[in-house]
Protein backbone atom coordinates (compact mmCIF):
# COMPACT_ATOMS: atom_id res chain seq x y z
CA MET A 1 82.57 -95.32 -16.18
CA GLN A 2 80.27 -95.70 -13.37
CA ARG A 3 82.54 -93.26 -11.24
CA ARG A 4 83.13 -90.46 -14.32
CA LEU A 5 79.14 -90.17 -14.46
CA LEU A 6 78.34 -89.84 -10.66
CA PHE A 7 81.01 -87.02 -10.75
CA ARG A 8 79.30 -85.58 -13.79
CA GLN A 9 76.39 -85.27 -11.84
CA ILE A 10 77.67 -83.99 -8.77
CA GLN A 11 79.38 -80.92 -11.17
CA LEU A 12 75.28 -80.15 -12.24
CA LEU A 13 73.93 -80.18 -8.89
CA PRO A 14 74.50 -76.14 -8.29
CA SER A 15 73.45 -75.01 -11.40
CA LEU A 16 70.43 -76.91 -10.67
CA LYS A 17 70.11 -75.63 -7.53
CA SER A 18 70.20 -71.92 -8.67
CA LYS A 19 67.47 -72.69 -11.11
CA THR A 20 65.11 -74.01 -8.76
CA PRO A 21 62.10 -71.17 -8.38
CA LYS A 22 61.72 -69.75 -4.52
CA PRO A 23 58.26 -69.90 -3.46
CA GLY A 24 56.16 -66.54 -2.77
CA ARG A 25 57.26 -63.34 -4.49
CA LEU A 26 60.03 -64.55 -6.27
CA LEU A 27 58.13 -67.31 -8.01
CA ILE A 28 55.71 -64.51 -9.84
CA ARG A 29 58.77 -62.09 -10.48
CA TYR A 30 60.97 -64.30 -12.46
CA ALA A 31 57.53 -66.23 -14.10
CA GLN A 32 57.11 -62.73 -15.18
CA LEU A 33 60.68 -62.34 -16.55
CA ALA A 34 60.88 -66.11 -17.63
CA SER A 35 57.36 -65.80 -19.66
CA GLN A 36 57.74 -63.05 -22.17
CA GLY A 37 55.20 -64.66 -24.51
CA ARG A 38 51.83 -63.22 -22.94
CA PRO A 39 50.95 -59.89 -22.55
CA GLN A 40 51.65 -58.13 -18.91
CA LEU A 41 48.32 -56.53 -17.54
CA PRO A 42 49.56 -54.42 -15.10
CA PHE A 43 46.36 -54.70 -13.02
CA LEU A 44 47.79 -58.34 -12.64
CA SER A 45 50.97 -57.69 -11.28
CA ILE A 46 52.39 -56.15 -8.35
CA PRO A 47 53.61 -52.68 -8.33
CA LEU A 48 57.38 -52.30 -7.85
CA ALA A 49 58.70 -49.50 -6.27
CA LYS A 50 61.44 -49.12 -8.33
CA ASN A 51 58.82 -48.24 -11.51
CA ASN A 52 56.63 -46.22 -9.44
CA GLN A 53 53.75 -48.42 -10.65
CA PHE A 54 50.66 -48.84 -8.31
CA ARG A 55 46.59 -49.01 -8.79
CA TYR A 56 44.59 -45.59 -8.56
CA LEU A 57 41.32 -47.97 -8.49
CA THR A 58 41.23 -50.49 -5.95
CA THR A 59 38.44 -52.27 -4.30
CA GLU A 60 38.49 -49.43 -1.22
CA ARG A 61 38.92 -46.41 -3.44
CA LYS A 62 35.77 -47.45 -4.98
CA ARG A 63 33.64 -47.95 -1.83
CA TRP A 64 35.14 -44.61 -0.67
CA LEU A 65 33.74 -42.78 -4.03
CA VAL A 66 30.18 -44.24 -4.00
CA TYR A 67 30.22 -43.41 -0.56
CA GLU A 68 31.42 -39.77 -1.33
CA VAL A 69 28.79 -38.92 -4.22
CA PHE A 70 25.88 -40.97 -1.85
CA LEU A 71 26.94 -38.33 1.01
CA GLY A 72 26.61 -35.33 -2.05
CA PHE A 73 23.55 -36.84 -3.28
CA LYS A 74 22.10 -37.09 0.13
CA TYR A 75 23.53 -33.59 1.73
CA THR A 76 21.82 -31.40 -2.17
CA VAL A 77 18.30 -33.18 -1.55
CA TYR A 78 18.55 -31.86 2.46
CA LEU A 79 19.33 -28.68 1.28
CA TRP A 80 16.89 -28.32 -1.10
CA ALA A 81 14.37 -29.67 1.02
CA ILE A 82 14.99 -27.07 3.84
CA ILE A 83 15.37 -24.23 1.01
CA GLY A 84 11.65 -25.22 -0.06
CA CYS A 85 10.19 -25.92 3.03
CA SER A 86 11.79 -22.39 4.27
CA VAL A 87 10.36 -20.94 1.42
CA VAL A 88 6.64 -22.16 1.75
CA ALA A 89 6.90 -21.41 5.62
CA TYR A 90 7.97 -17.41 4.44
CA TRP A 91 5.04 -17.27 2.07
CA SER A 92 2.34 -19.34 4.46
CA VAL A 93 3.36 -16.42 6.98
CA GLN A 94 3.21 -13.77 4.77
CA GLN A 95 -0.14 -14.73 3.47
CA GLU A 96 -1.38 -14.96 7.22
CA TYR A 97 -0.04 -11.47 7.61
CA LEU A 98 -1.69 -10.55 4.62
CA GLU A 99 -5.08 -11.88 5.08
CA ARG A 100 -5.07 -10.39 8.18
CA LYS A 101 -4.33 -6.90 7.48
CA TYR A 102 -6.11 -7.01 3.78
CA PRO A 103 -9.24 -9.39 4.66
CA THR A 104 -10.79 -11.03 1.88
CA PRO A 105 -14.13 -13.36 2.18
CA HIS A 106 -14.02 -16.92 3.21
CA GLU A 107 -16.52 -18.08 0.34
CA TRP A 108 -14.36 -17.16 -2.12
CA GLY A 109 -11.74 -19.59 -3.92
CA PHE A 110 -8.13 -19.80 -3.32
CA LEU A 111 -6.91 -18.12 -6.22
CA THR A 112 -9.68 -14.91 -6.20
CA ARG A 113 -8.69 -14.45 -2.36
CA LEU A 114 -4.66 -14.50 -2.90
CA ARG A 115 -5.00 -12.64 -6.08
CA PHE A 116 -7.01 -10.07 -4.61
CA ARG A 117 -4.67 -10.11 -1.46
CA PHE A 118 -1.60 -9.21 -3.68
CA ALA A 119 -3.76 -6.05 -5.32
CA LYS A 120 -4.77 -4.65 -2.36
CA TRP A 121 -1.19 -5.08 -0.52
CA GLY A 122 0.36 -3.16 -3.70
CA PRO A 123 -0.25 0.23 -2.89
CA ASP A 124 1.25 -0.43 0.98
CA ARG A 125 4.78 -2.02 -0.45
CA THR A 126 7.77 -0.89 0.48
CA ASP A 127 9.93 -2.86 -1.42
CA TRP A 128 8.74 -1.35 -4.40
CA VAL A 129 10.37 1.67 -5.79
CA GLU A 130 7.10 3.51 -7.02
CA THR A 131 3.57 1.64 -6.91
CA ASP A 132 3.78 -0.17 -10.09
CA TRP A 133 -0.18 0.00 -10.73
CA VAL A 134 0.14 -2.04 -13.77
CA VAL A 135 0.89 -5.38 -11.77
CA ILE A 136 -2.16 -4.35 -9.66
CA GLY A 137 -4.54 -3.90 -12.40
CA GLU A 138 -3.82 -6.92 -13.66
CA TYR A 139 -4.52 -8.95 -10.58
CA VAL A 140 -7.98 -6.63 -9.95
CA THR A 141 -9.15 -7.19 -13.41
CA ASN A 142 -8.54 -11.03 -12.89
CA VAL A 143 -10.08 -10.66 -9.81
CA ILE A 144 -13.38 -9.17 -10.84
CA GLU A 145 -13.31 -11.38 -14.07
CA ARG A 146 -13.63 -14.22 -11.73
CA LEU A 147 -16.07 -12.82 -9.62
CA GLU A 148 -18.35 -11.94 -12.47
CA ASP A 149 -17.91 -15.56 -14.04
CA LYS A 150 -21.05 -17.96 -13.17
CA ASN A 151 -18.47 -21.06 -13.41
CA ILE A 152 -16.11 -19.57 -10.90
CA GLU A 153 -17.45 -17.28 -8.16
CA GLY A 154 -20.48 -15.41 -9.69
CA ALA A 155 -22.83 -18.79 -9.51
CA GLY A 156 -26.30 -16.93 -8.45
CA LEU A 157 -25.53 -13.50 -10.38
CA GLU A 158 -28.45 -12.64 -12.10
CA ASP A 159 -28.63 -9.93 -15.13
CA LEU A 160 -30.63 -6.63 -14.26
CA THR A 161 -32.76 -7.57 -17.66
CA GLU A 162 -32.43 -10.47 -19.96
CA GLY A 163 -29.26 -10.31 -21.95
CA GLY A 164 -27.70 -6.74 -19.94
CA VAL A 165 -27.71 -3.32 -20.51
CA TRP A 166 -25.07 -2.02 -22.52
CA ILE A 167 -24.32 1.82 -21.87
CA ASP A 168 -22.45 3.75 -25.02
CA GLY A 169 -19.20 4.65 -23.93
CA ILE A 170 -19.39 2.07 -21.02
CA GLY A 171 -20.22 -1.33 -21.43
CA LYS A 172 -22.11 -3.51 -19.61
CA SER A 173 -24.26 -2.38 -16.63
CA GLY A 174 -23.76 -4.04 -13.47
CA TYR A 175 -25.66 -7.31 -12.32
CA ASP A 176 -28.08 -7.99 -9.66
CA ILE A 177 -25.98 -9.93 -6.45
CA THR A 178 -28.56 -9.49 -3.92
CA ALA A 179 -28.71 -13.26 -3.93
CA LYS A 180 -24.61 -12.94 -2.58
CA SER A 181 -23.80 -12.42 1.15
CA GLU A 182 -22.49 -9.28 2.73
CA PRO A 183 -18.84 -10.30 2.50
CA TRP A 184 -19.54 -11.38 -1.06
CA ARG A 185 -21.08 -8.12 -1.94
CA ARG A 186 -18.48 -6.04 0.19
CA GLY A 187 -15.48 -7.61 -1.32
CA TYR A 188 -16.91 -7.27 -4.94
CA TYR A 189 -17.09 -3.67 -4.42
CA GLU A 190 -13.59 -3.27 -2.80
CA ALA A 191 -12.59 -5.14 -5.97
CA LEU A 192 -14.77 -2.26 -8.41
CA MET A 193 -12.98 0.35 -6.77
CA LEU A 194 -9.46 -0.47 -6.94
CA GLY A 195 -10.06 -1.28 -10.20
CA ALA A 196 -11.52 2.33 -10.60
CA THR A 197 -8.39 3.63 -8.91
CA ALA A 198 -5.98 1.70 -10.81
CA ALA A 199 -7.50 3.23 -14.18
CA GLU A 200 -7.29 6.87 -13.17
CA GLN A 201 -3.35 5.99 -12.32
CA LEU A 202 -3.28 4.44 -15.78
CA ASP A 203 -5.53 6.48 -17.72
CA ASP A 204 -2.36 8.34 -19.50
CA HIS A 205 -0.57 5.20 -20.28
CA VAL A 206 -0.45 3.02 -23.76
CA VAL A 207 0.54 -0.56 -24.08
CA ASP A 208 3.17 -1.76 -27.07
CA THR A 209 0.65 -4.60 -28.84
CA THR A 210 4.37 -5.72 -30.06
CA ARG A 211 6.34 -6.02 -26.90
CA HIS A 212 3.32 -6.16 -24.21
CA LEU A 213 4.75 -3.56 -22.46
CA VAL A 214 3.25 -0.49 -20.72
CA PHE A 215 4.74 2.94 -21.05
CA PRO A 216 3.21 6.65 -20.53
CA ALA A 217 1.55 8.17 -23.35
CA SER A 218 4.08 11.24 -23.34
CA THR A 219 6.89 8.73 -24.48
CA VAL A 220 5.05 7.60 -27.62
CA ILE A 221 6.65 8.41 -31.21
CA GLY A 222 4.22 9.60 -33.65
CA PRO A 223 2.35 12.53 -35.26
CA SER A 224 -0.06 12.78 -32.21
CA ASN A 225 3.06 13.41 -30.24
CA PRO A 226 5.35 15.63 -31.95
CA ASN A 227 7.95 16.28 -28.76
CA PRO A 228 7.86 12.81 -27.05
CA ARG A 229 9.66 12.62 -23.56
CA PRO A 230 12.91 10.77 -23.12
CA ILE A 231 12.89 7.14 -22.02
CA PRO A 232 15.05 6.63 -18.58
CA PHE A 233 18.38 5.42 -18.66
CA GLY A 234 17.99 1.99 -18.88
CA ALA A 235 14.54 1.48 -19.94
CA GLU A 236 13.16 -0.25 -23.45
CA LYS A 237 13.10 2.15 -26.26
CA ALA A 238 9.79 4.08 -26.59
CA PRO A 239 6.74 2.75 -28.36
CA LEU A 240 5.95 3.55 -31.85
CA GLU A 241 1.74 5.20 -32.04
CA GLU A 242 0.93 2.76 -34.87
CA ASN A 243 1.77 -0.05 -32.06
CA CYS A 244 0.14 1.48 -28.77
CA GLU A 245 -3.61 1.36 -27.69
CA ARG A 246 -4.77 1.98 -24.12
CA ALA A 247 -3.44 0.30 -21.76
CA TYR A 248 -6.69 -0.01 -19.25
CA GLN A 249 -10.05 0.62 -19.58
CA GLU A 250 -11.38 4.03 -18.32
CA PRO A 251 -11.92 4.29 -14.47
CA GLU A 252 -16.00 5.38 -15.71
CA VAL A 253 -16.16 1.68 -16.28
CA PHE A 254 -15.82 0.38 -12.81
CA TYR A 255 -17.72 3.82 -11.23
CA MET A 256 -21.19 3.00 -13.14
CA ARG A 257 -20.39 -0.82 -12.45
CA ILE A 258 -20.95 0.13 -8.86
CA LEU A 259 -23.75 2.52 -9.67
CA THR A 260 -25.77 0.17 -11.81
CA THR A 261 -25.80 -3.10 -9.56
CA ARG A 262 -28.22 -3.99 -7.46
CA GLY A 263 -27.23 -5.27 -4.08
CA PHE A 264 -24.53 -2.31 -3.16
CA SER A 265 -25.73 -0.34 -0.11
CA SER A 266 -26.36 3.75 -0.70
CA LYS A 267 -23.20 4.36 1.28
CA GLN A 268 -21.30 2.68 -1.17
CA LYS A 269 -23.26 3.55 -4.42
CA MET A 270 -22.25 7.39 -2.96
CA ASP A 271 -18.79 7.07 -2.07
CA ALA A 272 -18.54 5.66 -5.82
CA ALA A 273 -20.58 8.70 -7.13
CA LEU A 274 -18.31 11.50 -5.16
CA ALA A 275 -14.80 9.51 -6.48
CA TYR A 276 -16.31 9.39 -9.96
CA ALA A 277 -17.13 13.36 -9.61
CA SER A 278 -13.96 14.02 -8.21
CA TRP A 279 -11.95 12.19 -11.20
CA LEU A 280 -14.34 14.45 -13.41
CA ASP A 281 -13.09 17.44 -11.95
CA PHE A 282 -10.00 16.42 -12.30
CA LYS A 283 -10.39 15.53 -15.99
CA GLY A 284 -11.79 19.53 -16.55
CA ILE A 285 -15.40 18.22 -16.80
CA PRO A 286 -17.21 20.06 -14.40
CA ASP A 287 -20.81 20.06 -15.55
CA ALA A 288 -20.68 16.28 -15.67
CA ALA A 289 -19.07 16.72 -12.36
CA LEU A 290 -21.44 18.74 -10.85
CA ARG A 291 -24.70 15.76 -11.94
CA MET A 292 -22.70 13.31 -10.09
CA TYR A 293 -22.20 15.32 -6.86
CA GLU A 294 -26.19 15.99 -7.09
CA TRP A 295 -26.59 12.10 -8.22
CA ALA A 296 -24.10 11.27 -4.62
CA LEU A 297 -26.43 13.62 -2.53
CA SER A 298 -29.63 12.08 -3.88
CA LEU A 299 -28.45 8.38 -2.96
CA ALA A 300 -27.43 10.12 0.20
CA SER A 301 -30.90 10.98 1.07
CA GLU A 302 -32.85 8.37 -0.91
CA ASN A 303 -34.20 6.82 2.58
CA VAL A 304 -35.13 9.96 4.40
CA PRO A 305 -38.48 10.58 3.52
CA PRO A 306 -38.98 13.80 1.09
CA THR A 307 -41.07 15.62 4.03
CA GLU A 308 -37.99 15.33 5.95
CA VAL A 309 -35.05 15.93 3.90
CA PRO A 310 -32.78 18.13 5.92
CA TYR A 311 -31.46 20.45 3.58
CA ASP A 312 -32.85 23.06 0.72
CA ARG A 313 -33.18 21.65 -2.36
CA GLN A 314 -32.35 25.06 -4.23
CA SER A 315 -29.27 26.10 -2.14
CA TYR A 316 -28.08 22.94 -0.77
CA THR A 317 -28.11 24.73 2.51
CA LEU A 318 -29.37 22.85 6.22
CA ARG A 319 -31.97 24.26 7.72
CA ALA A 320 -31.26 25.23 11.05
CA ASP A 321 -35.08 23.62 12.61
CA ALA A 322 -34.45 20.39 10.44
CA ARG A 323 -33.73 17.13 12.51
CA ALA A 324 -29.82 16.15 12.92
CA PRO A 325 -28.36 14.59 8.96
CA SER A 326 -26.94 11.44 8.54
CA THR A 327 -23.65 11.22 7.88
CA ASN A 328 -24.09 10.41 4.66
CA ILE A 329 -26.01 13.49 3.95
CA LEU A 330 -22.90 15.52 5.57
CA ASN A 331 -20.26 13.81 3.59
CA ALA A 332 -22.40 14.86 0.23
CA LEU A 333 -23.03 18.41 1.30
CA THR A 334 -19.15 18.65 2.07
CA ALA A 335 -17.79 17.65 -1.04
CA LEU A 336 -20.39 19.58 -3.29
CA ALA A 337 -19.45 22.90 -1.65
CA ALA A 338 -16.37 21.98 -2.09
CA HIS A 339 -17.18 21.59 -6.14
CA LYS A 340 -18.66 24.75 -6.03
CA ALA A 341 -15.67 26.48 -4.39
CA ARG A 342 -13.22 24.89 -7.16
CA ASN A 343 -15.29 26.34 -9.98
CA GLU A 344 -15.13 30.07 -8.28
CA ASP A 345 -19.06 30.09 -7.14
CA VAL A 346 -18.15 30.86 -3.27
CA SER A 347 -21.56 32.43 -2.90
CA THR A 348 -23.20 29.24 -3.17
CA ALA A 349 -19.96 27.35 -1.34
CA LEU A 350 -19.97 29.27 1.81
CA PRO A 351 -23.50 28.76 3.10
CA ILE A 352 -23.38 24.85 2.71
CA LEU A 353 -20.12 24.51 4.67
CA LEU A 354 -21.45 27.05 7.30
CA SER A 355 -24.54 25.18 7.69
CA VAL A 356 -22.65 21.47 7.68
CA LEU A 357 -20.56 23.26 10.18
CA ARG A 358 -23.27 24.57 12.65
CA ALA A 359 -25.05 21.03 12.43
CA ARG A 360 -21.53 19.16 13.15
CA ARG A 361 -21.30 21.40 16.17
CA SER A 362 -24.81 20.90 17.43
CA LEU A 363 -24.01 16.80 17.17
CA PRO A 364 -24.73 15.09 20.68
CA GLU A 365 -21.90 14.31 22.61
CA PRO A 366 -20.98 10.49 23.03
CA GLN A 367 -21.90 8.55 26.09
CA THR A 368 -18.74 8.07 28.33
CA LYS A 369 -19.00 5.67 31.13
CA SER A 370 -18.25 6.65 34.59
CA PRO A 371 -14.58 6.39 35.62
CA SER A 372 -15.57 4.32 38.13
CA SER A 373 -17.29 1.41 36.51
CA SER A 374 -15.00 1.93 34.05
CA SER A 375 -11.79 1.00 36.03
CA SER A 376 -13.60 -1.73 38.08
CA HIS A 377 -14.01 -3.48 34.20
CA LYS A 378 -10.34 -2.72 33.37
CA ARG A 379 -9.34 -4.57 36.29
CA GLU A 380 -11.97 -7.39 35.68
CA ALA A 381 -10.47 -7.75 32.22
CA THR A 382 -6.88 -7.42 32.64
CA PRO A 383 -5.51 -10.75 33.98
CA THR A 384 -2.70 -10.42 36.61
CA SER A 385 -0.18 -12.57 34.36
CA PRO A 386 -0.24 -13.15 30.50
CA TRP A 387 0.78 -16.76 30.83
CA THR A 388 -2.91 -17.82 32.00
CA PHE A 389 -4.60 -21.07 30.71
CA GLY A 390 -7.42 -19.07 29.20
CA ASN A 391 -4.76 -16.88 27.59
CA VAL A 392 -2.79 -19.43 25.95
CA ILE A 393 -5.37 -21.43 24.51
CA SER A 394 -7.24 -18.21 23.20
CA THR A 395 -3.45 -17.15 21.64
CA ILE A 396 -3.77 -20.80 20.11
CA LYS A 397 -7.10 -20.78 18.48
CA ARG A 398 -6.24 -16.98 17.16
CA ILE A 399 -3.25 -18.22 15.49
CA ALA A 400 -4.75 -21.51 14.06
CA ALA A 401 -7.98 -20.78 13.01
CA ALA A 402 -8.76 -18.57 10.23
CA PRO A 403 -9.23 -14.49 10.90
CA ALA A 404 -13.02 -13.91 10.71
CA TYR A 405 -14.13 -11.19 8.22
CA PRO A 406 -14.45 -7.94 9.49
CA PRO A 407 -18.36 -7.02 10.68
CA GLU A 408 -20.62 -4.83 8.29
CA PRO A 409 -19.55 -1.13 8.27
CA ASP A 410 -21.93 2.10 9.36
CA ASN A 411 -24.50 2.65 6.58
CA GLY A 412 -24.11 6.24 7.57
CA GLU A 413 -27.62 6.31 7.28
CA SER A 414 -27.83 7.72 10.61
CA ALA A 415 -26.46 10.77 12.27
CA PRO A 416 -22.98 10.67 14.08
CA VAL A 417 -21.92 11.37 17.55
CA ARG A 418 -19.44 14.14 18.33
CA ASP A 419 -16.43 12.25 18.86
CA ALA A 420 -12.99 12.52 17.83
CA LYS A 421 -13.30 11.57 14.51
CA GLU A 422 -16.18 14.30 14.28
CA ARG A 423 -14.23 16.73 15.63
CA CYS A 424 -11.48 16.49 13.07
CA GLU A 425 -14.10 16.51 10.65
CA GLU A 426 -14.89 19.98 12.30
CA ALA A 427 -11.30 21.30 11.97
CA GLY A 428 -11.72 19.86 8.35
CA LEU A 429 -14.48 22.73 7.58
CA ASN A 430 -12.58 25.26 9.04
CA LEU A 431 -10.07 24.83 6.58
CA TYR A 432 -12.08 24.65 3.51
CA ILE A 433 -13.46 28.02 4.79
CA GLY A 434 -10.59 29.57 5.89
CA GLU A 435 -9.07 28.71 2.57
CA ILE A 436 -12.29 29.74 0.54
CA ILE A 437 -12.44 33.16 2.71
CA TYR A 438 -8.65 33.66 1.83
CA ALA A 439 -8.39 33.22 -1.74
CA SER A 440 -11.74 35.30 -2.44
CA ASN A 441 -10.44 38.29 -0.40
CA LYS A 442 -7.06 38.69 -2.01
CA SER A 443 -7.05 42.65 -2.43
CA THR A 444 -8.45 42.89 1.30
CA HIS A 445 -6.80 42.68 4.11
CA LYS A 446 -9.48 42.39 6.65
CA GLY A 447 -10.42 39.22 4.74
CA ARG A 448 -7.06 37.26 4.89
CA GLU A 449 -6.74 37.84 8.03
CA ASP A 450 -10.38 36.18 9.02
CA GLY A 451 -9.16 32.94 6.46
CA LEU A 452 -6.04 32.52 8.19
CA ALA A 453 -7.79 33.04 11.91
CA TRP A 454 -10.36 29.91 10.33
CA THR A 455 -7.36 28.32 9.69
CA ARG A 456 -5.35 28.44 12.75
CA GLU A 457 -8.70 27.28 14.63
CA ALA A 458 -8.95 24.39 12.71
CA VAL A 459 -5.13 23.26 13.45
CA ASP A 460 -5.70 23.98 17.11
CA LEU A 461 -8.53 21.79 16.72
CA ALA A 462 -6.95 18.98 14.85
CA GLU A 463 -3.94 18.84 17.27
CA GLU A 464 -5.72 18.87 20.40
CA GLN A 465 -7.74 15.92 18.94
CA LEU A 466 -4.87 14.06 18.07
CA HIS A 467 -3.00 14.37 20.85
CA LYS A 468 -5.92 13.00 23.49
CA LEU A 469 -6.05 9.76 20.25
CA THR A 470 -2.30 9.42 21.08
CA ARG A 471 -2.86 9.24 24.60
CA GLY A 472 -6.15 7.06 24.31
CA ASP A 473 -7.14 4.75 22.31
CA PRO A 474 -4.95 3.72 19.80
CA SER A 475 -7.09 1.31 17.93
CA ASP A 476 -9.03 4.16 16.35
CA VAL A 477 -7.21 4.18 13.43
CA ASP A 478 -9.63 5.88 10.86
CA ALA A 479 -10.07 9.05 13.39
CA LYS A 480 -6.29 9.03 13.79
CA LYS A 481 -5.76 9.39 10.13
CA THR A 482 -8.38 11.98 9.98
CA CYS A 483 -6.85 14.07 12.30
CA LYS A 484 -3.31 13.78 10.81
CA GLU A 485 -4.67 14.72 7.31
CA CYS A 486 -6.64 17.64 8.73
CA LEU A 487 -3.58 18.93 10.70
CA SER A 488 -1.02 18.38 7.90
CA SER A 489 -3.18 20.22 5.30
CA GLY A 490 -3.49 23.14 8.19
CA LEU A 491 0.00 23.62 8.68
CA GLU A 492 0.61 23.47 5.42
CA ASN A 493 -1.99 26.10 4.52
CA TRP A 494 -1.58 28.54 7.50
CA ALA A 495 2.42 28.52 6.47
CA LYS A 496 1.87 29.83 3.40
CA MET A 497 -0.84 32.15 4.36
CA THR A 498 1.14 33.45 6.66
CA ALA A 499 4.30 33.84 4.33
CA ARG A 500 2.96 35.83 1.74
CA LEU A 501 1.57 38.43 4.78
CA ALA A 502 5.25 38.43 5.90
CA ARG A 503 6.97 39.03 2.78
CA GLU A 504 4.17 41.65 1.78
CA GLU A 505 4.96 43.59 5.40
CA ARG A 506 8.64 43.12 4.62
CA GLU A 507 8.11 44.74 1.19
CA ARG A 508 6.28 47.72 3.19
CA GLU A 509 8.90 47.97 5.31
CA GLU A 510 11.91 48.25 2.88
CA ALA A 511 9.61 50.75 0.81
CA ALA A 512 9.17 52.67 3.82
CA ALA A 513 13.12 52.86 4.93
CA SER A 514 13.99 53.51 0.79
CA GLY A 515 12.16 56.62 1.34
CA THR A 516 13.97 58.09 3.89
CA SER A 517 17.13 56.76 2.74
CA GLY A 518 18.10 60.01 1.21
CA SER A 519 18.79 61.91 3.82
CA TRP A 520 22.03 63.28 5.24
CA PHE A 521 21.60 60.65 8.57
CA GLY A 522 21.07 58.20 6.29
CA LEU A 523 24.07 57.83 4.70
CA GLY A 524 25.91 56.31 7.43
CA LEU A 525 28.01 59.73 8.20
CA TRP A 526 28.21 59.20 11.81
CA GLY A 527 29.41 55.54 12.22
CA ASP A 528 26.90 53.33 13.46
CA ALA A 529 24.70 55.67 15.22
CA GLY A 530 21.97 55.28 12.27
CA LYS A 531 21.54 51.69 12.42
CA THR A 532 18.66 50.21 14.62
CA GLU A 533 17.65 47.46 15.37
CA THR A 534 15.08 45.21 13.34
CA ILE A 535 12.03 44.53 14.73
CA PRO A 536 10.17 41.70 12.93
CA GLY A 537 6.70 42.66 12.31
CA ARG A 538 3.72 41.12 13.28
CA TRP A 539 3.34 38.43 10.08
CA ALA A 540 7.05 37.90 10.31
CA ALA A 541 6.43 37.14 14.14
CA GLU A 542 3.73 34.65 13.11
CA GLU A 543 5.64 32.95 10.43
CA ASN A 544 8.24 31.80 13.08
CA VAL A 545 5.35 30.73 15.19
CA VAL A 546 3.80 28.34 12.63
CA LYS A 547 7.54 26.50 11.63
CA GLU A 548 7.73 26.40 15.51
CA ARG A 549 4.11 24.66 15.78
CA THR A 550 5.22 22.16 12.43
CA ARG A 551 8.48 21.25 14.56
CA ARG A 552 6.44 20.36 17.43
CA ALA A 553 3.67 18.82 15.45
CA GLN A 554 5.71 17.02 13.47
CA GLU A 555 6.37 14.25 16.39
CA VAL A 556 2.72 13.55 16.58
CA LEU A 557 2.59 13.36 12.59
CA ASP A 558 5.51 10.95 12.31
CA GLU A 559 4.79 8.74 15.35
CA LEU A 560 4.93 4.95 14.67
CA GLU A 561 3.87 2.44 16.81
CA ALA A 562 6.50 0.53 18.40
CA PRO A 563 7.43 -2.76 16.69
CA ASN A 564 6.39 -5.79 17.25
CA THR A 565 8.65 -8.55 18.92
CA LEU A 566 9.73 -11.56 16.82
CA PHE A 567 7.23 -13.71 19.77
CA SER A 568 5.02 -11.12 20.03
CA SER A 569 4.21 -10.65 16.49
CA LEU A 570 2.75 -14.23 15.91
CA PHE A 571 -0.32 -12.94 18.39
CA SER A 572 -0.77 -9.84 17.08
CA ALA A 573 -3.75 -9.89 14.33
């Protein structure tokens, strides 16, 4: 019996050995296969290659994804920070450039100065297809409102009378700004003049109150405009008349504000009166324009004693025995004569212009330094190297410090000297006189020749002075601008005059040739024997001369300053 039990145990040993679990990975596998009762979780089991099972989100991958998200966020912040700093740097450099080109009073607030710079920059912007006077008008209106607000920039302003003065059709009169500094008054004057210019440009514009858009008055649909002008392609649809009102204030609002303000100089008021008179001439109101020109002349001579007024109060011509007239009187008389000439009062305009021209030619010459002293001064002032310690320090100060506001300009109450700018003014007078003589003597050949001679002399004088300015001091911007305008207008007038005379000359030659074309010899029976070489006449030859002069002068008129390099532009004011 014992032997039988032992034998059975020996037979069971291989089966027990095979059912004994193996250590390591086989234990998990056999336990997985044996335990069918509990749920199978994929992330708790080791992936099997034969079933293509693997874990997507491991601990290492979690860390990698978090790091990548962090890097993306960090680089995004860096990128926007760089873009933001670049925009701020560009804007700061732009404002520094605009402040140096269009200076504003330092005592104004930041927003007032910023908007005034943008308003003054508007007419000269090159990134606009055309000047947006609506934007300029909004800027300058806001600047004027801030300057006249006693809680912002207008502290110290006083009304001329208690409660102010109200002018019918104009509005409130000016203020008493004598308590303000000269830069504040000059900036206020520039803002008012720029507002008047914007008002002139927007005089024929209306605003649609339903959409707050500005349109030319010629595009309005309504009974007062039966044939509206078509709207450009892509623009907003035309406004209705019942929804429209005036887009901007009248120009006289700004001009009268200047003329009635106490604290502006005589020259500032005179310039405003002349600009207003020119606007009235443009609007076809000659009587009102004449009164404004006379007001400008009285402003120009208000500081001159009555016994020393250099012109005749009836004919407005300068007396030969009078003292040298001031710049203001010369400018006012020239504008008055031009007004009378435009209104066909040639008998009054020509004597005034001739007397002004005689007075300008008798002005004293400017004092010139001796060549030796000027050359020695240049040698002392010009350093041998631009990288000296003093130059570097002055350059750093000029860049870091705020640019100084320009000094007060000349008030125009003294007699000018006969410098380059005054000689170009003489050329302008020659142009006026030549145009008046030519236009008033259309029927006489001698009168038109005299007018053309005056114009030719004006072109010669303006071109000569412009060449001198180009070779001389390049900082005399006002004189160069005056000479360029005079030369351009003179060449244009000269070309029109000679073109008309040449056309009449050709017509006379053709008429004379047609009178002899009926002969047998004129029929060309003898081949080319009847052909003669055409010799250009006097005015046709001068027409070619004008074309050549225009081509030659265009090089000077289109001359531009050399562009600054990136480094040197930082140091230019």
